[in-house]
Amino acid sequence: MSTATYILGIVASLVTLVIVVELLRRRQLRERHAIWWLFASVLAVIAGVFPGVLSALAALVGVGLPVNLVFFVSIAILVLVCIQHSAELTRLEAKTRTLAESVALLDLRVRDLEAPPASSPSASPEARDDGAS
């Protein structure tokens, strides 16, 4: 790989790291969601700064090309992010359903409390007759 390619990889991984840290700082990204992105960007910085580490790790694992190892690790991280988001979505759907049921029960209770009692004279059909007959 050329020097420009290494520099591009380092710059891209550092930009990703800075963006994730900035989103965390502004409270636009929660820590539990950012951990995989931080992990991936730190690995990318290490691989960009020390490309020999990636080659040695690929040889140790038995992967023919270091780029294949990068793709595999990237896909594995993305799968973990998807699993984490799916679990969070499932939890939020359960909470939403519980909240919707609670709101429906409270709404029914409010309607029952606001409705006039059935035994009062103003609630009877004769009392509500507008005199049209």
C-alpha atoms as a PDB file:
ATOM      1  CA  MET A   1       0.000   0.000   0.000  1.00  0.00           C
ATOM      2  CA  SER A   2       1.125   3.519  -0.672  1.00  0.00           C
ATOM      3  CA  THR A   3       1.805   6.132   1.967  1.00  0.00           C
ATOM      4  CA  ALA A   4      -1.245   8.093   0.818  1.00  0.00           C
ATOM      5  CA  THR A   5      -3.455   5.059   1.477  1.00  0.00           C
ATOM      6  CA  TYR A   6      -2.094   4.689   5.011  1.00  0.00           C
ATOM      7  CA  ILE A   7      -2.577   8.386   5.678  1.00  0.00           C
ATOM      8  CA  LEU A   8      -6.138   8.225   4.355  1.00  0.00           C
ATOM      9  CA  GLY A   9      -6.896   5.256   6.615  1.00  0.00           C
ATOM     10  CA  ILE A  10      -5.436   6.982   9.662  1.00  0.00           C
ATOM     11  CA  VAL A  11      -7.287  10.230   8.955  1.00  0.00           C
ATOM     12  CA  ALA A  12     -10.599   8.418   8.358  1.00  0.00           C
ATOM     13  CA  SER A  13     -10.284   6.415  11.569  1.00  0.00           C
ATOM     14  CA  LEU A  14      -9.323   9.504  13.574  1.00  0.00           C
ATOM     15  CA  VAL A  15     -12.268  11.448  12.124  1.00  0.00           C
ATOM     16  CA  THR A  16     -14.586   8.594  13.105  1.00  0.00           C
ATOM     17  CA  LEU A  17     -13.124   8.534  16.604  1.00  0.00           C
ATOM     18  CA  VAL A  18     -13.519  12.305  16.994  1.00  0.00           C
ATOM     19  CA  ILE A  19     -17.117  12.204  15.724  1.00  0.00           C
ATOM     20  CA  VAL A  20     -18.089   9.439  18.157  1.00  0.00           C
ATOM     21  CA  VAL A  21     -16.432  11.232  21.084  1.00  0.00           C
ATOM     22  CA  GLU A  22     -18.126  14.508  20.107  1.00  0.00           C
ATOM     23  CA  LEU A  23     -21.537  12.802  19.886  1.00  0.00           C
ATOM     24  CA  LEU A  24     -20.927  11.332  23.328  1.00  0.00           C
ATOM     25  CA  ARG A  25     -19.884  14.709  24.693  1.00  0.00           C
ATOM     26  CA  ARG A  26     -23.034  16.387  23.351  1.00  0.00           C
ATOM     27  CA  ARG A  27     -25.205  13.568  24.741  1.00  0.00           C
ATOM     28  CA  GLN A  28     -26.463  12.697  21.260  1.00  0.00           C
ATOM     29  CA  LEU A  29     -25.103   9.161  21.546  1.00  0.00           C
ATOM     30  CA  ARG A  30     -25.317   6.954  24.602  1.00  0.00           C
ATOM     31  CA  GLU A  31     -22.284   5.147  25.923  1.00  0.00           C
ATOM     32  CA  ARG A  32     -23.706   1.690  25.437  1.00  0.00           C
ATOM     33  CA  HIS A  33     -24.339   2.455  21.756  1.00  0.00           C
ATOM     34  CA  ALA A  34     -20.980   4.110  21.231  1.00  0.00           C
ATOM     35  CA  ILE A  35     -18.812   1.339  22.624  1.00  0.00           C
ATOM     36  CA  TRP A  36     -18.694  -0.677  19.401  1.00  0.00           C
ATOM     37  CA  TRP A  37     -17.941   2.439  17.328  1.00  0.00           C
ATOM     38  CA  LEU A  38     -15.166   3.429  19.727  1.00  0.00           C
ATOM     39  CA  PHE A  39     -13.784  -0.095  19.593  1.00  0.00           C
ATOM     40  CA  ALA A  40     -13.844  -0.137  15.790  1.00  0.00           C
ATOM     41  CA  SER A  41     -12.260   3.286  15.413  1.00  0.00           C
ATOM     42  CA  VAL A  42      -9.492   2.501  17.906  1.00  0.00           C
ATOM     43  CA  LEU A  43      -8.764  -0.732  16.022  1.00  0.00           C
ATOM     44  CA  ALA A  44      -8.708   1.232  12.764  1.00  0.00           C
ATOM     45  CA  VAL A  45      -6.274   3.772  14.209  1.00  0.00           C
ATOM     46  CA  ILE A  46      -3.995   0.970  15.442  1.00  0.00           C
ATOM     47  CA  ALA A  47      -4.161  -0.812  12.080  1.00  0.00           C
ATOM     48  CA  GLY A  48      -3.466   2.449  10.246  1.00  0.00           C
ATOM     49  CA  VAL A  49      -0.550   3.525  12.412  1.00  0.00           C
ATOM     50  CA  PHE A  50       0.965   0.057  12.766  1.00  0.00           C
ATOM     51  CA  PRO A  51       0.155  -1.906   9.590  1.00  0.00           C
ATOM     52  CA  GLY A  52       2.590  -4.643  10.608  1.00  0.00           C
ATOM     53  CA  VAL A  53       0.339  -5.534  13.524  1.00  0.00           C
ATOM     54  CA  LEU A  54      -2.514  -6.226  11.116  1.00  0.00           C
ATOM     55  CA  SER A  55      -0.306  -8.417   8.915  1.00  0.00           C
ATOM     56  CA  ALA A  56       0.999 -10.339  11.928  1.00  0.00           C
ATOM     57  CA  LEU A  57      -2.511 -10.788  13.318  1.00  0.00           C
ATOM     58  CA  ALA A  58      -3.775 -12.011   9.931  1.00  0.00           C
ATOM     59  CA  ALA A  59      -0.925 -14.540   9.770  1.00  0.00           C
ATOM     60  CA  LEU A  60      -1.604 -15.625  13.355  1.00  0.00           C
ATOM     61  CA  VAL A  61      -5.304 -16.182  12.674  1.00  0.00           C
ATOM     62  CA  GLY A  62      -4.573 -17.867   9.350  1.00  0.00           C
ATOM     63  CA  VAL A  63      -6.153 -15.275   7.068  1.00  0.00           C
ATOM     64  CA  GLY A  64      -4.414 -14.938   3.697  1.00  0.00           C
ATOM     65  CA  LEU A  65      -4.730 -11.182   3.282  1.00  0.00           C
ATOM     66  CA  PRO A  66      -4.851  -8.609   6.078  1.00  0.00           C
ATOM     67  CA  VAL A  67      -7.626  -6.787   4.208  1.00  0.00           C
ATOM     68  CA  ASN A  68      -9.840  -9.866   4.582  1.00  0.00           C
ATOM     69  CA  LEU A  69      -9.284  -9.724   8.327  1.00  0.00           C
ATOM     70  CA  VAL A  70     -10.299  -6.058   8.325  1.00  0.00           C
ATOM     71  CA  PHE A  71     -13.495  -6.896   6.437  1.00  0.00           C
ATOM     72  CA  PHE A  72     -14.280  -9.787   8.761  1.00  0.00           C
ATOM     73  CA  VAL A  73     -13.755  -7.715  11.913  1.00  0.00           C
ATOM     74  CA  SER A  74     -15.799  -4.848  10.422  1.00  0.00           C
ATOM     75  CA  ILE A  75     -18.689  -7.150   9.577  1.00  0.00           C
ATOM     76  CA  ALA A  76     -18.503  -8.763  13.021  1.00  0.00           C
ATOM     77  CA  ILE A  77     -18.704  -5.358  14.692  1.00  0.00           C
ATOM     78  CA  LEU A  78     -21.660  -4.357  12.508  1.00  0.00           C
ATOM     79  CA  VAL A  79     -23.454  -7.590  13.365  1.00  0.00           C
ATOM     80  CA  LEU A  80     -22.907  -6.911  17.074  1.00  0.00           C
ATOM     81  CA  VAL A  81     -24.279  -3.376  16.643  1.00  0.00           C
ATOM     82  CA  CYS A  82     -27.355  -4.793  14.869  1.00  0.00           C
ATOM     83  CA  ILE A  83     -27.914  -7.341  17.643  1.00  0.00           C
ATOM     84  CA  GLN A  84     -27.572  -4.629  20.279  1.00  0.00           C
ATOM     85  CA  HIS A  85     -30.060  -2.388  18.463  1.00  0.00           C
ATOM     86  CA  SER A  86     -32.491  -5.268  17.969  1.00  0.00           C
ATOM     87  CA  ALA A  87     -32.416  -6.042  21.685  1.00  0.00           C
ATOM     88  CA  GLU A  88     -32.962  -2.366  22.498  1.00  0.00           C
ATOM     89  CA  LEU A  89     -35.833  -2.162  20.007  1.00  0.00           C
ATOM     90  CA  THR A  90     -37.487  -5.222  21.540  1.00  0.00           C
ATOM     91  CA  ARG A  91     -37.216  -3.695  25.021  1.00  0.00           C
ATOM     92  CA  LEU A  92     -38.636  -0.385  23.811  1.00  0.00           C
ATOM     93  CA  GLU A  93     -41.525  -2.089  22.007  1.00  0.00           C
ATOM     94  CA  ALA A  94     -42.452  -3.909  25.218  1.00  0.00           C
ATOM     95  CA  LYS A  95     -42.319  -0.653  27.186  1.00  0.00           C
ATOM     96  CA  THR A  96     -44.391   1.122  24.530  1.00  0.00           C
ATOM     97  CA  ARG A  97     -47.039  -1.594  24.615  1.00  0.00           C
ATOM     98  CA  THR A  98     -47.189  -1.451  28.419  1.00  0.00           C
ATOM     99  CA  LEU A  99     -47.456   2.333  28.364  1.00  0.00           C
ATOM    100  CA  ALA A 100     -50.178   2.259  25.695  1.00  0.00           C
ATOM    101  CA  GLU A 101     -52.187  -0.212  27.767  1.00  0.00           C
ATOM    102  CA  SER A 102     -51.773   1.938  30.883  1.00  0.00           C
ATOM    103  CA  VAL A 103     -52.843   5.071  29.034  1.00  0.00           C
ATOM    104  CA  ALA A 104     -55.886   3.264  27.621  1.00  0.00           C
ATOM    105  CA  LEU A 105     -56.920   2.093  31.097  1.00  0.00           C
ATOM    106  CA  LEU A 106     -56.418   5.579  32.551  1.00  0.00           C
ATOM    107  CA  ASP A 107     -58.400   7.116  29.682  1.00  0.00           C
ATOM    108  CA  LEU A 108     -61.262   4.700  30.335  1.00  0.00           C
ATOM    109  CA  ARG A 109     -61.169   5.540  34.036  1.00  0.00           C
ATOM    110  CA  VAL A 110     -61.241   9.290  33.319  1.00  0.00           C
ATOM    111  CA  ARG A 111     -64.210   8.845  30.963  1.00  0.00           C
ATOM    112  CA  ASP A 112     -66.049   6.831  33.621  1.00  0.00           C
ATOM    113  CA  LEU A 113     -65.362   9.496  36.237  1.00  0.00           C
ATOM    114  CA  GLU A 114     -66.400  12.363  33.960  1.00  0.00           C
ATOM    115  CA  ALA A 115     -69.613  10.688  32.737  1.00  0.00           C
ATOM    116  CA  PRO A 116     -72.797  11.764  34.545  1.00  0.00           C
ATOM    117  CA  PRO A 117     -74.225   9.109  36.815  1.00  0.00           C
ATOM    118  CA  ALA A 118     -76.945   6.987  35.198  1.00  0.00           C
ATOM    119  CA  SER A 119     -79.407   7.488  38.115  1.00  0.00           C
ATOM    120  CA  SER A 120     -79.493  11.287  38.027  1.00  0.00           C
ATOM    121  CA  PRO A 121     -82.551  12.986  36.474  1.00  0.00           C
ATOM    122  CA  SER A 122     -80.427  14.992  34.035  1.00  0.00           C
ATOM    123  CA  ALA A 123     -79.008  11.766  32.619  1.00  0.00           C
ATOM    124  CA  SER A 124     -82.406  10.210  31.838  1.00  0.00           C
ATOM    125  CA  PRO A 125     -83.666  10.346  28.228  1.00  0.00           C
ATOM    126  CA  GLU A 126     -86.859  12.185  29.294  1.00  0.00           C
ATOM    127  CA  ALA A 127     -84.904  15.003  30.915  1.00  0.00           C
ATOM    128  CA  ARG A 128     -82.723  15.426  27.828  1.00  0.00           C
ATOM    129  CA  ASP A 129     -85.746  15.764  25.536  1.00  0.00           C
ATOM    130  CA  ASP A 130     -85.454  19.088  23.730  1.00  0.00           C
ATOM    131  CA  GLY A 131     -89.214  19.550  23.502  1.00  0.00           C
ATOM    132  CA  ALA A 132     -89.526  18.514  19.856  1.00  0.00           C
ATOM    133  CA  SER A 133     -92.394  16.122  20.617  1.00  0.00           C
END
